[in-house]
PDB file of N, CA and C in Angstrom:
ATOM      1  N   MET A   1      -6.687  -4.982 -25.469  1.00  0.00           N
ATOM      2  CA  MET A   1      -5.755  -5.925 -24.647  1.00  0.00           C
ATOM      3  C   MET A   1      -4.466  -5.568 -24.863  1.00  0.00           C
ATOM      4  N   THR A   2      -3.841  -5.831 -23.788  1.00  0.00           N
ATOM      5  CA  THR A   2      -2.280  -5.561 -23.575  1.00  0.00           C
ATOM      6  C   THR A   2      -1.483  -6.535 -24.133  1.00  0.00           C
ATOM      7  N   ASP A   3      -0.614  -6.398 -24.691  1.00  0.00           N
ATOM      8  CA  ASP A   3       0.348  -7.372 -25.142  1.00  0.00           C
ATOM      9  C   ASP A   3       1.378  -7.748 -24.100  1.00  0.00           C
ATOM     10  N   PRO A   4       1.709  -9.267 -24.041  1.00  0.00           N
ATOM     11  CA  PRO A   4       2.403  -9.596 -22.801  1.00  0.00           C
ATOM     12  C   PRO A   4       3.757  -9.065 -22.291  1.00  0.00           C
ATOM     13  N   ILE A   5       4.380  -8.537 -23.397  1.00  0.00           N
ATOM     14  CA  ILE A   5       5.577  -7.705 -23.101  1.00  0.00           C
ATOM     15  C   ILE A   5       5.291  -6.574 -22.268  1.00  0.00           C
ATOM     16  N   THR A   6       4.446  -5.832 -22.860  1.00  0.00           N
ATOM     17  CA  THR A   6       4.015  -4.458 -22.035  1.00  0.00           C
ATOM     18  C   THR A   6       3.573  -4.940 -20.720  1.00  0.00           C
ATOM     19  N   LEU A   7       2.739  -5.828 -20.493  1.00  0.00           N
ATOM     20  CA  LEU A   7       2.208  -6.126 -19.232  1.00  0.00           C
ATOM     21  C   LEU A   7       3.204  -6.549 -18.187  1.00  0.00           C
ATOM     22  N   ALA A   8       4.342  -7.246 -18.803  1.00  0.00           N
ATOM     23  CA  ALA A   8       5.338  -7.700 -17.969  1.00  0.00           C
ATOM     24  C   ALA A   8       6.279  -6.668 -17.534  1.00  0.00           C
ATOM     25  N   LEU A   9       6.441  -5.715 -18.266  1.00  0.00           N
ATOM     26  CA  LEU A   9       7.236  -4.603 -18.172  1.00  0.00           C
ATOM     27  C   LEU A   9       6.564  -3.763 -17.099  1.00  0.00           C
ATOM     28  N   PHE A  10       5.297  -3.572 -17.171  1.00  0.00           N
ATOM     29  CA  PHE A  10       4.609  -2.527 -16.121  1.00  0.00           C
ATOM     30  C   PHE A  10       4.672  -3.303 -14.767  1.00  0.00           C
ATOM     31  N   GLN A  11       4.306  -4.720 -14.799  1.00  0.00           N
ATOM     32  CA  GLN A  11       4.474  -5.759 -13.558  1.00  0.00           C
ATOM     33  C   GLN A  11       5.761  -5.600 -12.899  1.00  0.00           C
ATOM     34  N   ASN A  12       6.508  -5.538 -13.684  1.00  0.00           N
ATOM     35  CA  ASN A  12       8.225  -5.647 -13.007  1.00  0.00           C
ATOM     36  C   ASN A  12       8.518  -4.198 -12.529  1.00  0.00           C
ATOM     37  N   ARG A  13       7.932  -3.161 -13.049  1.00  0.00           N
ATOM     38  CA  ARG A  13       7.895  -1.953 -12.732  1.00  0.00           C
ATOM     39  C   ARG A  13       7.326  -1.635 -11.151  1.00  0.00           C
ATOM     40  N   LEU A  14       6.053  -1.951 -11.256  1.00  0.00           N
ATOM     41  CA  LEU A  14       5.202  -2.021 -10.004  1.00  0.00           C
ATOM     42  C   LEU A  14       5.834  -2.761  -8.930  1.00  0.00           C
ATOM     43  N   ASP A  15       6.270  -4.033  -9.240  1.00  0.00           N
ATOM     44  CA  ASP A  15       6.889  -4.972  -8.084  1.00  0.00           C
ATOM     45  C   ASP A  15       8.273  -4.037  -7.517  1.00  0.00           C
ATOM     46  N   TYR A  16       8.984  -3.603  -8.472  1.00  0.00           N
ATOM     47  CA  TYR A  16      10.225  -3.033  -8.252  1.00  0.00           C
ATOM     48  C   TYR A  16       9.740  -1.647  -7.160  1.00  0.00           C
ATOM     49  N   ILE A  17       8.754  -0.919  -7.433  1.00  0.00           N
ATOM     50  CA  ILE A  17       8.243   0.231  -6.785  1.00  0.00           C
ATOM     51  C   ILE A  17       7.877  -0.549  -5.404  1.00  0.00           C
ATOM     52  N   ALA A  18       7.383  -1.445  -5.042  1.00  0.00           N
ATOM     53  CA  ALA A  18       7.023  -1.901  -3.851  1.00  0.00           C
ATOM     54  C   ALA A  18       8.110  -2.308  -3.181  1.00  0.00           C
ATOM     55  N   ARG A  19       8.991  -3.101  -3.793  1.00  0.00           N
ATOM     56  CA  ARG A  19      10.351  -3.591  -3.064  1.00  0.00           C
ATOM     57  C   ARG A  19      11.054  -2.307  -2.599  1.00  0.00           C
ATOM     58  N   GLN A  20      11.151  -1.253  -3.455  1.00  0.00           N
ATOM     59  CA  GLN A  20      11.945  -0.109  -2.973  1.00  0.00           C
ATOM     60  C   GLN A  20      11.364   0.585  -1.733  1.00  0.00           C
ATOM     61  N   MET A  21       9.767   0.518  -1.472  1.00  0.00           N
ATOM     62  CA  MET A  21       9.416   1.009  -0.395  1.00  0.00           C
ATOM     63  C   MET A  21       9.741   0.312   0.590  1.00  0.00           C
ATOM     64  N   GLY A  22       9.994  -1.210   0.683  1.00  0.00           N
ATOM     65  CA  GLY A  22      10.207  -1.929   1.727  1.00  0.00           C
ATOM     66  C   GLY A  22      11.726  -1.829   2.121  1.00  0.00           C
ATOM     67  N   TRP A  23      12.588  -1.542   1.062  1.00  0.00           N
ATOM     68  CA  TRP A  23      13.965  -1.145   1.437  1.00  0.00           C
ATOM     69  C   TRP A  23      14.069   0.061   2.080  1.00  0.00           C
ATOM     70  N   VAL A  24      13.462   1.080   1.831  1.00  0.00           N
ATOM     71  CA  VAL A  24      13.496   2.280   2.423  1.00  0.00           C
ATOM     72  C   VAL A  24      12.983   2.157   3.813  1.00  0.00           C
ATOM     73  N   MET A  25      12.014   1.209   4.303  1.00  0.00           N
ATOM     74  CA  MET A  25      11.546   1.178   5.531  1.00  0.00           C
ATOM     75  C   MET A  25      12.603   0.240   6.388  1.00  0.00           C
ATOM     76  N   ILE A  26      13.302  -0.512   5.711  1.00  0.00           N
ATOM     77  CA  ILE A  26      14.288  -1.275   6.506  1.00  0.00           C
ATOM     78  C   ILE A  26      15.624  -0.347   6.865  1.00  0.00           C
ATOM     79  N   ARG A  27      15.863   0.377   5.771  1.00  0.00           N
ATOM     80  CA  ARG A  27      17.045   1.248   6.044  1.00  0.00           C
ATOM     81  C   ARG A  27      16.786   2.518   6.849  1.00  0.00           C
ATOM     82  N   THR A  28      15.597   2.833   6.957  1.00  0.00           N
ATOM     83  CA  THR A  28      15.298   4.028   7.719  1.00  0.00           C
ATOM     84  C   THR A  28      14.707   3.989   8.795  1.00  0.00           C
ATOM     85  N   SER A  29      14.261   2.733   9.402  1.00  0.00           N
ATOM     86  CA  SER A  29      13.595   2.539  10.514  1.00  0.00           C
ATOM     87  C   SER A  29      14.484   2.418  11.662  1.00  0.00           C
ATOM     88  N   ARG A  30      13.998   2.873  12.926  1.00  0.00           N
ATOM     89  CA  ARG A  30      14.947   2.857  14.115  1.00  0.00           C
ATOM     90  C   ARG A  30      14.446   1.733  14.951  1.00  0.00           C
ATOM     91  N   SER A  31      13.210   1.237  14.789  1.00  0.00           N
ATOM     92  CA  SER A  31      12.418   0.228  15.244  1.00  0.00           C
ATOM     93  C   SER A  31      13.040  -1.278  14.858  1.00  0.00           C
ATOM     94  N   PRO A  32      13.295  -2.210  15.812  1.00  0.00           N
ATOM     95  CA  PRO A  32      13.910  -3.433  15.453  1.00  0.00           C
ATOM     96  C   PRO A  32      12.647  -4.304  14.741  1.00  0.00           C
ATOM     97  N   ILE A  33      11.445  -3.736  15.096  1.00  0.00           N
ATOM     98  CA  ILE A  33      10.256  -4.647  14.598  1.00  0.00           C
ATOM     99  C   ILE A  33      10.203  -4.500  13.138  1.00  0.00           C
ATOM    100  N   PHE A  34      10.643  -3.500  12.559  1.00  0.00           N
ATOM    101  CA  PHE A  34      10.631  -3.050  11.187  1.00  0.00           C
ATOM    102  C   PHE A  34      12.077  -3.527  10.670  1.00  0.00           C
ATOM    103  N   ASN A  35      13.016  -2.951  11.049  1.00  0.00           N
ATOM    104  CA  ASN A  35      14.670  -3.226  10.514  1.00  0.00           C
ATOM    105  C   ASN A  35      15.156  -4.516  10.780  1.00  0.00           C
ATOM    106  N   GLN A  36      14.742  -5.283  11.785  1.00  0.00           N
ATOM    107  CA  GLN A  36      15.299  -6.602  12.007  1.00  0.00           C
ATOM    108  C   GLN A  36      14.047  -7.975  11.633  1.00  0.00           C
ATOM    109  N   SER A  37      12.999  -7.830  12.121  1.00  0.00           N
ATOM    110  CA  SER A  37      12.129  -8.818  12.031  1.00  0.00           C
ATOM    111  C   SER A  37      11.129  -8.542  10.819  1.00  0.00           C
ATOM    112  N   HIS A  38      11.117  -7.341  10.343  1.00  0.00           N
ATOM    113  CA  HIS A  38      10.396  -7.061   8.957  1.00  0.00           C
ATOM    114  C   HIS A  38       8.968  -7.183   9.045  1.00  0.00           C
ATOM    115  N   ASP A  39       8.496  -6.820  10.241  1.00  0.00           N
ATOM    116  CA  ASP A  39       6.959  -6.891  10.490  1.00  0.00           C
ATOM    117  C   ASP A  39       6.335  -5.777   9.937  1.00  0.00           C
ATOM    118  N   PHE A  40       6.242  -5.836   8.457  1.00  0.00           N
ATOM    119  CA  PHE A  40       5.688  -4.907   7.687  1.00  0.00           C
ATOM    120  C   PHE A  40       5.418  -5.388   6.469  1.00  0.00           C
ATOM    121  N   SER A  41       4.508  -4.759   5.469  1.00  0.00           N
ATOM    122  CA  SER A  41       4.360  -5.067   4.096  1.00  0.00           C
ATOM    123  C   SER A  41       4.191  -3.726   3.428  1.00  0.00           C
ATOM    124  N   CYS A  42       4.582  -3.715   2.064  1.00  0.00           N
ATOM    125  CA  CYS A  42       4.338  -2.607   1.343  1.00  0.00           C
ATOM    126  C   CYS A  42       3.700  -3.134  -0.125  1.00  0.00           C
ATOM    127  N   PHE A  43       2.757  -2.366  -0.407  1.00  0.00           N
ATOM    128  CA  PHE A  43       1.829  -2.697  -1.708  1.00  0.00           C
ATOM    129  C   PHE A  43       1.557  -1.480  -2.481  1.00  0.00           C
ATOM    130  N   VAL A  44       1.091  -1.676  -3.677  1.00  0.00           N
ATOM    131  CA  VAL A  44       0.466  -0.893  -4.542  1.00  0.00           C
ATOM    132  C   VAL A  44      -0.835  -1.107  -4.769  1.00  0.00           C
ATOM    133  N   ALA A  45      -1.928  -0.248  -4.848  1.00  0.00           N
ATOM    134  CA  ALA A  45      -3.264  -0.599  -5.116  1.00  0.00           C
ATOM    135  C   ALA A  45      -3.692   0.475  -6.149  1.00  0.00           C
ATOM    136  N   ASP A  46      -4.690  -0.254  -6.995  1.00  0.00           N
ATOM    137  CA  ASP A  46      -5.149   0.773  -8.267  1.00  0.00           C
ATOM    138  C   ASP A  46      -6.272   1.720  -7.624  1.00  0.00           C
ATOM    139  N   GLU A  47      -6.782   2.589  -8.491  1.00  0.00           N
ATOM    140  CA  GLU A  47      -7.643   3.714  -7.927  1.00  0.00           C
ATOM    141  C   GLU A  47      -8.948   2.897  -7.348  1.00  0.00           C
ATOM    142  N   ASN A  48      -9.179   1.800  -7.348  1.00  0.00           N
ATOM    143  CA  ASN A  48     -10.420   1.194  -6.761  1.00  0.00           C
ATOM    144  C   ASN A  48      -9.968   0.352  -5.583  1.00  0.00           C
ATOM    145  N   GLY A  49      -8.793   0.389  -5.121  1.00  0.00           N
ATOM    146  CA  GLY A  49      -8.517  -0.306  -3.976  1.00  0.00           C
ATOM    147  C   GLY A  49      -7.975  -1.820  -4.146  1.00  0.00           C
ATOM    148  N   ASN A  50      -7.794  -2.260  -5.509  1.00  0.00           N
ATOM    149  CA  ASN A  50      -7.392  -3.584  -6.009  1.00  0.00           C
ATOM    150  C   ASN A  50      -5.860  -3.665  -5.976  1.00  0.00           C
ATOM    151  N   LEU A  51      -5.285  -4.611  -5.253  1.00  0.00           N
ATOM    152  CA  LEU A  51      -3.791  -4.815  -5.159  1.00  0.00           C
ATOM    153  C   LEU A  51      -3.235  -5.200  -6.463  1.00  0.00           C
ATOM    154  N   VAL A  52      -2.229  -4.349  -6.801  1.00  0.00           N
ATOM    155  CA  VAL A  52      -1.773  -4.674  -8.305  1.00  0.00           C
ATOM    156  C   VAL A  52      -0.152  -5.198  -8.136  1.00  0.00           C
ATOM    157  N   SER A  53       0.334  -4.910  -6.814  1.00  0.00           N
ATOM    158  CA  SER A  53       1.757  -5.301  -6.663  1.00  0.00           C
ATOM    159  C   SER A  53       2.070  -5.281  -5.127  1.00  0.00           C
ATOM    160  N   GLN A  54       2.893  -6.034  -4.657  1.00  0.00           N
ATOM    161  CA  GLN A  54       3.275  -6.408  -3.409  1.00  0.00           C
ATOM    162  C   GLN A  54       4.695  -6.566  -3.353  1.00  0.00           C
ATOM    163  N   ALA A  55       5.494  -6.238  -2.329  1.00  0.00           N
ATOM    164  CA  ALA A  55       6.888  -6.637  -1.768  1.00  0.00           C
ATOM    165  C   ALA A  55       6.678  -7.853  -1.080  1.00  0.00           C
ATOM    166  N   ASP A  56       7.853  -8.432  -0.811  1.00  0.00           N
ATOM    167  CA  ASP A  56       7.861  -9.567   0.237  1.00  0.00           C
ATOM    168  C   ASP A  56       7.499  -9.003   1.708  1.00  0.00           C
ATOM    169  N   GLY A  57       6.684  -9.688   2.286  1.00  0.00           N
ATOM    170  CA  GLY A  57       6.284  -9.162   3.697  1.00  0.00           C
ATOM    171  C   GLY A  57       5.441  -9.978   4.252  1.00  0.00           C
ATOM    172  N   ILE A  58       4.475  -9.499   5.182  1.00  0.00           N
ATOM    173  CA  ILE A  58       3.549 -10.407   5.989  1.00  0.00           C
ATOM    174  C   ILE A  58       2.456 -10.694   5.157  1.00  0.00           C
ATOM    175  N   PRO A  59       1.996 -11.789   4.854  1.00  0.00           N
ATOM    176  CA  PRO A  59       0.934 -11.938   3.663  1.00  0.00           C
ATOM    177  C   PRO A  59      -0.490 -11.336   4.401  1.00  0.00           C
ATOM    178  N   ILE A  60      -0.840 -11.492   5.629  1.00  0.00           N
ATOM    179  CA  ILE A  60      -1.970 -11.111   6.063  1.00  0.00           C
ATOM    180  C   ILE A  60      -2.209  -9.469   6.131  1.00  0.00           C
ATOM    181  N   HIS A  61      -0.943  -8.926   5.950  1.00  0.00           N
ATOM    182  CA  HIS A  61      -0.987  -7.278   5.952  1.00  0.00           C
ATOM    183  C   HIS A  61      -1.423  -6.793   4.512  1.00  0.00           C
ATOM    184  N   THR A  62      -0.898  -7.533   3.437  1.00  0.00           N
ATOM    185  CA  THR A  62      -1.119  -7.137   2.028  1.00  0.00           C
ATOM    186  C   THR A  62      -2.417  -7.741   1.673  1.00  0.00           C
ATOM    187  N   GLY A  63      -2.876  -8.744   2.351  1.00  0.00           N
ATOM    188  CA  GLY A  63      -4.140  -9.450   2.053  1.00  0.00           C
ATOM    189  C   GLY A  63      -5.347  -8.437   2.298  1.00  0.00           C
ATOM    190  N   GLY A  64      -5.151  -7.667   3.525  1.00  0.00           N
ATOM    191  CA  GLY A  64      -6.097  -6.897   3.959  1.00  0.00           C
ATOM    192  C   GLY A  64      -6.005  -5.269   3.370  1.00  0.00           C
ATOM    193  N   GLY A  65      -5.011  -5.206   2.535  1.00  0.00           N
ATOM    194  CA  GLY A  65      -4.844  -3.913   2.031  1.00  0.00           C
ATOM    195  C   GLY A  65      -5.760  -3.487   1.285  1.00  0.00           C
ATOM    196  N   GLY A  66      -6.535  -4.198   0.395  1.00  0.00           N
ATOM    197  CA  GLY A  66      -7.526  -3.707  -0.365  1.00  0.00           C
ATOM    198  C   GLY A  66      -8.587  -3.007   0.430  1.00  0.00           C
ATOM    199  N   PHE A  67      -9.100  -3.821   1.316  1.00  0.00           N
ATOM    200  CA  PHE A  67      -9.960  -3.576   2.441  1.00  0.00           C
ATOM    201  C   PHE A  67      -9.786  -1.878   3.044  1.00  0.00           C
ATOM    202  N   ALA A  68      -8.648  -1.745   3.318  1.00  0.00           N
ATOM    203  CA  ALA A  68      -8.344  -0.708   3.923  1.00  0.00           C
ATOM    204  C   ALA A  68      -8.391   0.508   2.684  1.00  0.00           C
ATOM    205  N   ILE A  69      -7.865   0.401   1.556  1.00  0.00           N
ATOM    206  CA  ILE A  69      -8.137   1.560   0.418  1.00  0.00           C
ATOM    207  C   ILE A  69      -9.532   1.568   0.333  1.00  0.00           C
ATOM    208  N   ARG A  70     -10.361   0.543  -0.055  1.00  0.00           N
ATOM    209  CA  ARG A  70     -11.673   0.674  -0.111  1.00  0.00           C
ATOM    210  C   ARG A  70     -12.454   1.448   0.803  1.00  0.00           C
ATOM    211  N   ALA A  71     -12.112   1.374   2.081  1.00  0.00           N
ATOM    212  CA  ALA A  71     -12.511   1.950   3.320  1.00  0.00           C
ATOM    213  C   ALA A  71     -12.179   3.440   3.301  1.00  0.00           C
ATOM    214  N   LEU A  72     -11.174   3.711   2.799  1.00  0.00           N
ATOM    215  CA  LEU A  72     -10.665   5.167   2.481  1.00  0.00           C
ATOM    216  C   LEU A  72     -11.531   5.867   1.404  1.00  0.00           C
ATOM    217  N   LEU A  73     -11.568   5.069   0.563  1.00  0.00           N
ATOM    218  CA  LEU A  73     -12.409   5.659  -0.693  1.00  0.00           C
ATOM    219  C   LEU A  73     -13.743   5.859  -0.291  1.00  0.00           C
ATOM    220  N   GLU A  74     -14.309   5.007   0.489  1.00  0.00           N
ATOM    221  CA  GLU A  74     -15.830   4.901   0.906  1.00  0.00           C
ATOM    222  C   GLU A  74     -15.964   6.347   1.734  1.00  0.00           C
ATOM    223  N   VAL A  75     -14.960   6.821   2.714  1.00  0.00           N
ATOM    224  CA  VAL A  75     -15.010   8.061   3.540  1.00  0.00           C
ATOM    225  C   VAL A  75     -14.573   9.202   2.826  1.00  0.00           C
ATOM    226  N   PHE A  76     -13.572   9.244   1.915  1.00  0.00           N
ATOM    227  CA  PHE A  76     -13.061  10.310   1.345  1.00  0.00           C
ATOM    228  C   PHE A  76     -13.326  10.645  -0.099  1.00  0.00           C
ATOM    229  N   GLY A  77     -13.675   9.510  -0.696  1.00  0.00           N
ATOM    230  CA  GLY A  77     -14.077   9.549  -1.898  1.00  0.00           C
ATOM    231  C   GLY A  77     -13.163  10.339  -2.961  1.00  0.00           C
ATOM    232  N   GLY A  78     -13.783  11.378  -3.684  1.00  0.00           N
ATOM    233  CA  GLY A  78     -13.132  12.260  -4.540  1.00  0.00           C
ATOM    234  C   GLY A  78     -12.386  13.460  -3.849  1.00  0.00           C
ATOM    235  N   ASP A  79     -12.417  13.474  -2.361  1.00  0.00           N
ATOM    236  CA  ASP A  79     -11.959  14.474  -1.668  1.00  0.00           C
ATOM    237  C   ASP A  79     -10.446  14.335  -1.392  1.00  0.00           C
ATOM    238  N   MET A  80      -9.622  14.005  -2.362  1.00  0.00           N
ATOM    239  CA  MET A  80      -8.288  13.683  -2.022  1.00  0.00           C
ATOM    240  C   MET A  80      -7.429  14.624  -2.887  1.00  0.00           C
ATOM    241  N   SER A  81      -6.212  14.923  -2.357  1.00  0.00           N
ATOM    242  CA  SER A  81      -5.332  15.890  -3.406  1.00  0.00           C
ATOM    243  C   SER A  81      -3.923  15.158  -3.398  1.00  0.00           C
ATOM    244  N   ASN A  82      -3.232  15.943  -4.210  1.00  0.00           N
ATOM    245  CA  ASN A  82      -1.696  15.239  -4.396  1.00  0.00           C
ATOM    246  C   ASN A  82      -1.151  15.860  -3.032  1.00  0.00           C
ATOM    247  N   GLY A  83      -0.338  14.777  -2.561  1.00  0.00           N
ATOM    248  CA  GLY A  83       0.601  15.019  -1.207  1.00  0.00           C
ATOM    249  C   GLY A  83      -0.359  14.556   0.000  1.00  0.00           C
ATOM    250  N   ASP A  84      -1.577  14.178  -0.239  1.00  0.00           N
ATOM    251  CA  ASP A  84      -2.406  13.642   0.972  1.00  0.00           C
ATOM    252  C   ASP A  84      -1.836  12.452   1.553  1.00  0.00           C
ATOM    253  N   VAL A  85      -1.678  12.101   2.825  1.00  0.00           N
ATOM    254  CA  VAL A  85      -1.237  10.935   3.473  1.00  0.00           C
ATOM    255  C   VAL A  85      -2.259  10.450   4.443  1.00  0.00           C
ATOM    256  N   PHE A  86      -2.714   9.216   4.305  1.00  0.00           N
ATOM    257  CA  PHE A  86      -3.912   8.515   5.218  1.00  0.00           C
ATOM    258  C   PHE A  86      -3.273   7.664   6.003  1.00  0.00           C
ATOM    259  N   VAL A  87      -3.684   7.543   7.382  1.00  0.00           N
ATOM    260  CA  VAL A  87      -3.323   6.550   8.274  1.00  0.00           C
ATOM    261  C   VAL A  87      -4.668   5.940   8.850  1.00  0.00           C
ATOM    262  N   LEU A  88      -4.576   4.669   8.906  1.00  0.00           N
ATOM    263  CA  LEU A  88      -5.897   3.807   9.076  1.00  0.00           C
ATOM    264  C   LEU A  88      -5.389   2.775  10.045  1.00  0.00           C
ATOM    265  N   ASN A  89      -6.132   2.474  11.022  1.00  0.00           N
ATOM    266  CA  ASN A  89      -6.160   1.218  11.826  1.00  0.00           C
ATOM    267  C   ASN A  89      -7.396   0.417  12.441  1.00  0.00           C
ATOM    268  N   ASP A  90      -8.412   0.897  11.868  1.00  0.00           N
ATOM    269  CA  ASP A  90      -9.789   0.389  12.392  1.00  0.00           C
ATOM    270  C   ASP A  90      -9.649  -1.073  12.107  1.00  0.00           C
ATOM    271  N   PRO A  91      -9.770  -1.851  12.867  1.00  0.00           N
ATOM    272  CA  PRO A  91      -9.618  -3.571  12.531  1.00  0.00           C
ATOM    273  C   PRO A  91     -10.987  -4.007  11.816  1.00  0.00           C
ATOM    274  N   TYR A  92     -12.072  -3.265  12.025  1.00  0.00           N
ATOM    275  CA  TYR A  92     -13.260  -3.840  11.463  1.00  0.00           C
ATOM    276  C   TYR A  92     -13.520  -3.215  10.139  1.00  0.00           C
ATOM    277  N   VAL A  93     -12.767  -2.189   9.564  1.00  0.00           N
ATOM    278  CA  VAL A  93     -13.110  -1.683   8.102  1.00  0.00           C
ATOM    279  C   VAL A  93     -11.628  -1.789   7.477  1.00  0.00           C
ATOM    280  N   ALA A  94     -10.502  -1.709   8.045  1.00  0.00           N
ATOM    281  CA  ALA A  94      -9.271  -1.411   7.161  1.00  0.00           C
ATOM    282  C   ALA A  94      -8.663  -2.788   7.165  1.00  0.00           C
ATOM    283  N   GLY A  95      -9.347  -3.802   6.937  1.00  0.00           N
ATOM    284  CA  GLY A  95      -8.611  -5.302   6.525  1.00  0.00           C
ATOM    285  C   GLY A  95      -8.574  -6.224   7.523  1.00  0.00           C
ATOM    286  N   GLY A  96      -9.328  -6.101   8.774  1.00  0.00           N
ATOM    287  CA  GLY A  96      -9.544  -7.110   9.682  1.00  0.00           C
ATOM    288  C   GLY A  96      -8.240  -7.448  10.518  1.00  0.00           C
ATOM    289  N   ASN A  97      -7.324  -6.751  10.396  1.00  0.00           N
ATOM    290  CA  ASN A  97      -6.052  -7.165  11.214  1.00  0.00           C
ATOM    291  C   ASN A  97      -6.567  -6.453  12.648  1.00  0.00           C
ATOM    292  N   HIS A  98      -5.500  -6.621  13.480  1.00  0.00           N
ATOM    293  CA  HIS A  98      -5.626  -6.167  14.879  1.00  0.00           C
ATOM    294  C   HIS A  98      -5.268  -4.626  14.978  1.00  0.00           C
ATOM    295  N   LEU A  99      -5.714  -4.052  16.008  1.00  0.00           N
ATOM    296  CA  LEU A  99      -5.517  -2.395  16.245  1.00  0.00           C
ATOM    297  C   LEU A  99      -4.164  -1.960  16.050  1.00  0.00           C
ATOM    298  N   PRO A 100      -3.091  -2.800  16.382  1.00  0.00           N
ATOM    299  CA  PRO A 100      -1.629  -2.312  16.437  1.00  0.00           C
ATOM    300  C   PRO A 100      -1.019  -2.248  14.968  1.00  0.00           C
ATOM    301  N   ASP A 101      -1.933  -2.759  13.885  1.00  0.00           N
ATOM    302  CA  ASP A 101      -1.383  -2.663  12.469  1.00  0.00           C
ATOM    303  C   ASP A 101      -2.054  -1.524  11.788  1.00  0.00           C
ATOM    304  N   TRP A 102      -1.247  -0.678  11.471  1.00  0.00           N
ATOM    305  CA  TRP A 102      -1.503   0.699  10.763  1.00  0.00           C
ATOM    306  C   TRP A 102      -1.427   0.605   9.293  1.00  0.00           C
ATOM    307  N   VAL A 103      -2.137   1.087   8.635  1.00  0.00           N
ATOM    308  CA  VAL A 103      -1.828   1.426   7.068  1.00  0.00           C
ATOM    309  C   VAL A 103      -1.534   2.757   6.920  1.00  0.00           C
ATOM    310  N   ILE A 104      -0.666   3.077   6.143  1.00  0.00           N
ATOM    311  CA  ILE A 104      -0.385   4.390   5.760  1.00  0.00           C
ATOM    312  C   ILE A 104      -0.364   4.420   4.086  1.00  0.00           C
ATOM    313  N   ALA A 105      -1.333   5.031   3.760  1.00  0.00           N
ATOM    314  CA  ALA A 105      -1.666   5.021   2.219  1.00  0.00           C
ATOM    315  C   ALA A 105      -1.462   6.588   1.660  1.00  0.00           C
ATOM    316  N   ARG A 106      -0.871   6.603   0.554  1.00  0.00           N
ATOM    317  CA  ARG A 106      -0.774   7.776  -0.254  1.00  0.00           C
ATOM    318  C   ARG A 106      -1.223   7.749  -1.547  1.00  0.00           C
ATOM    319  N   PRO A 107      -2.153   8.370  -1.926  1.00  0.00           N
ATOM    320  CA  PRO A 107      -2.651   8.476  -3.191  1.00  0.00           C
ATOM    321  C   PRO A 107      -1.750   8.931  -4.125  1.00  0.00           C
ATOM    322  N   VAL A 108      -1.808   8.321  -5.484  1.00  0.00           N
ATOM    323  CA  VAL A 108      -0.959   8.781  -6.670  1.00  0.00           C
ATOM    324  C   VAL A 108      -1.812   9.395  -7.701  1.00  0.00           C
ATOM    325  N   PHE A 109      -1.409  10.700  -8.167  1.00  0.00           N
ATOM    326  CA  PHE A 109      -2.119  11.306  -9.185  1.00  0.00           C
ATOM    327  C   PHE A 109      -1.366  11.368 -10.422  1.00  0.00           C
ATOM    328  N   VAL A 110      -1.877  11.527 -11.667  1.00  0.00           N
ATOM    329  CA  VAL A 110      -1.410  11.787 -12.863  1.00  0.00           C
ATOM    330  C   VAL A 110      -2.260  13.067 -13.252  1.00  0.00           C
ATOM    331  N   GLY A 111      -1.440  14.171 -13.138  1.00  0.00           N
ATOM    332  CA  GLY A 111      -2.387  15.412 -13.471  1.00  0.00           C
ATOM    333  C   GLY A 111      -3.356  15.528 -12.292  1.00  0.00           C
ATOM    334  N   SER A 112      -4.712  15.432 -12.535  1.00  0.00           N
ATOM    335  CA  SER A 112      -5.695  15.629 -11.439  1.00  0.00           C
ATOM    336  C   SER A 112      -6.546  14.221 -11.195  1.00  0.00           C
ATOM    337  N   ARG A 113      -6.011  13.431 -11.960  1.00  0.00           N
ATOM    338  CA  ARG A 113      -6.645  12.117 -11.746  1.00  0.00           C
ATOM    339  C   ARG A 113      -6.008  11.004 -10.966  1.00  0.00           C
ATOM    340  N   LEU A 114      -6.649  10.609  -9.949  1.00  0.00           N
ATOM    341  CA  LEU A 114      -6.272   9.511  -9.068  1.00  0.00           C
ATOM    342  C   LEU A 114      -6.033   8.175  -9.877  1.00  0.00           C
ATOM    343  N   VAL A 115      -4.842   7.468  -9.732  1.00  0.00           N
ATOM    344  CA  VAL A 115      -4.383   6.532 -10.516  1.00  0.00           C
ATOM    345  C   VAL A 115      -4.042   5.321  -9.619  1.00  0.00           C
ATOM    346  N   ALA A 116      -3.570   5.390  -8.312  1.00  0.00           N
ATOM    347  CA  ALA A 116      -3.184   4.441  -7.656  1.00  0.00           C
ATOM    348  C   ALA A 116      -2.783   4.922  -6.153  1.00  0.00           C
ATOM    349  N   PHE A 117      -2.754   4.083  -5.368  1.00  0.00           N
ATOM    350  CA  PHE A 117      -2.067   4.204  -4.080  1.00  0.00           C
ATOM    351  C   PHE A 117      -0.911   3.432  -3.599  1.00  0.00           C
ATOM    352  N   THR A 118       0.074   4.319  -3.020  1.00  0.00           N
ATOM    353  CA  THR A 118       1.157   3.422  -2.418  1.00  0.00           C
ATOM    354  C   THR A 118       0.916   3.280  -0.852  1.00  0.00           C
ATOM    355  N   CYS A 119       1.271   2.053  -0.442  1.00  0.00           N
ATOM    356  CA  CYS A 119       0.711   1.796   0.895  1.00  0.00           C
ATOM    357  C   CYS A 119       1.716   0.964   1.797  1.00  0.00           C
ATOM    358  N   ASN A 120       1.724   1.051   2.911  1.00  0.00           N
ATOM    359  CA  ASN A 120       2.480   0.401   3.945  1.00  0.00           C
ATOM    360  C   ASN A 120       1.391  -0.024   5.182  1.00  0.00           C
ATOM    361  N   ARG A 121       1.607  -1.223   5.430  1.00  0.00           N
ATOM    362  CA  ARG A 121       1.042  -1.778   6.648  1.00  0.00           C
ATOM    363  C   ARG A 121       1.929  -2.399   7.575  1.00  0.00           C
ATOM    364  N   ALA A 122       2.118  -1.751   8.776  1.00  0.00           N
ATOM    365  CA  ALA A 122       3.144  -2.229   9.717  1.00  0.00           C
ATOM    366  C   ALA A 122       2.475  -2.238  11.177  1.00  0.00           C
ATOM    367  N   HIS A 123       3.197  -3.215  11.770  1.00  0.00           N
ATOM    368  CA  HIS A 123       2.752  -3.545  13.418  1.00  0.00           C
ATOM    369  C   HIS A 123       3.540  -2.441  14.351  1.00  0.00           C
ATOM    370  N   GLN A 124       2.592  -1.616  14.961  1.00  0.00           N
ATOM    371  CA  GLN A 124       3.227  -0.711  15.933  1.00  0.00           C
ATOM    372  C   GLN A 124       4.145  -1.259  16.791  1.00  0.00           C
TER     373      GLN A 124
END
């Protein structure tokens, strides 16, 4: 069992990572869909595809994020390496959104062990 202080520290760090991903999207995007209307969401999922943190964004984007990661795990399973980036937009398996919503997911490894995914879901 984790003590409440350690849990709060980890949750705040994960939330900061997700917010930082969003700030980078806003600052670097040339599309007004992203840098003005903020039609995207950033989130962190664990190694099983469960959402553990999310930044401010479109709730339906993050709500379907776990489905996208689990679909990715079903197809690729253990065949992922450090540095891989996956792009998904299948509305039937990647979270139920429509075709122009894209998920970009990057697996995070500690050594050779998959521990999380950093993800962005955005409207094309």
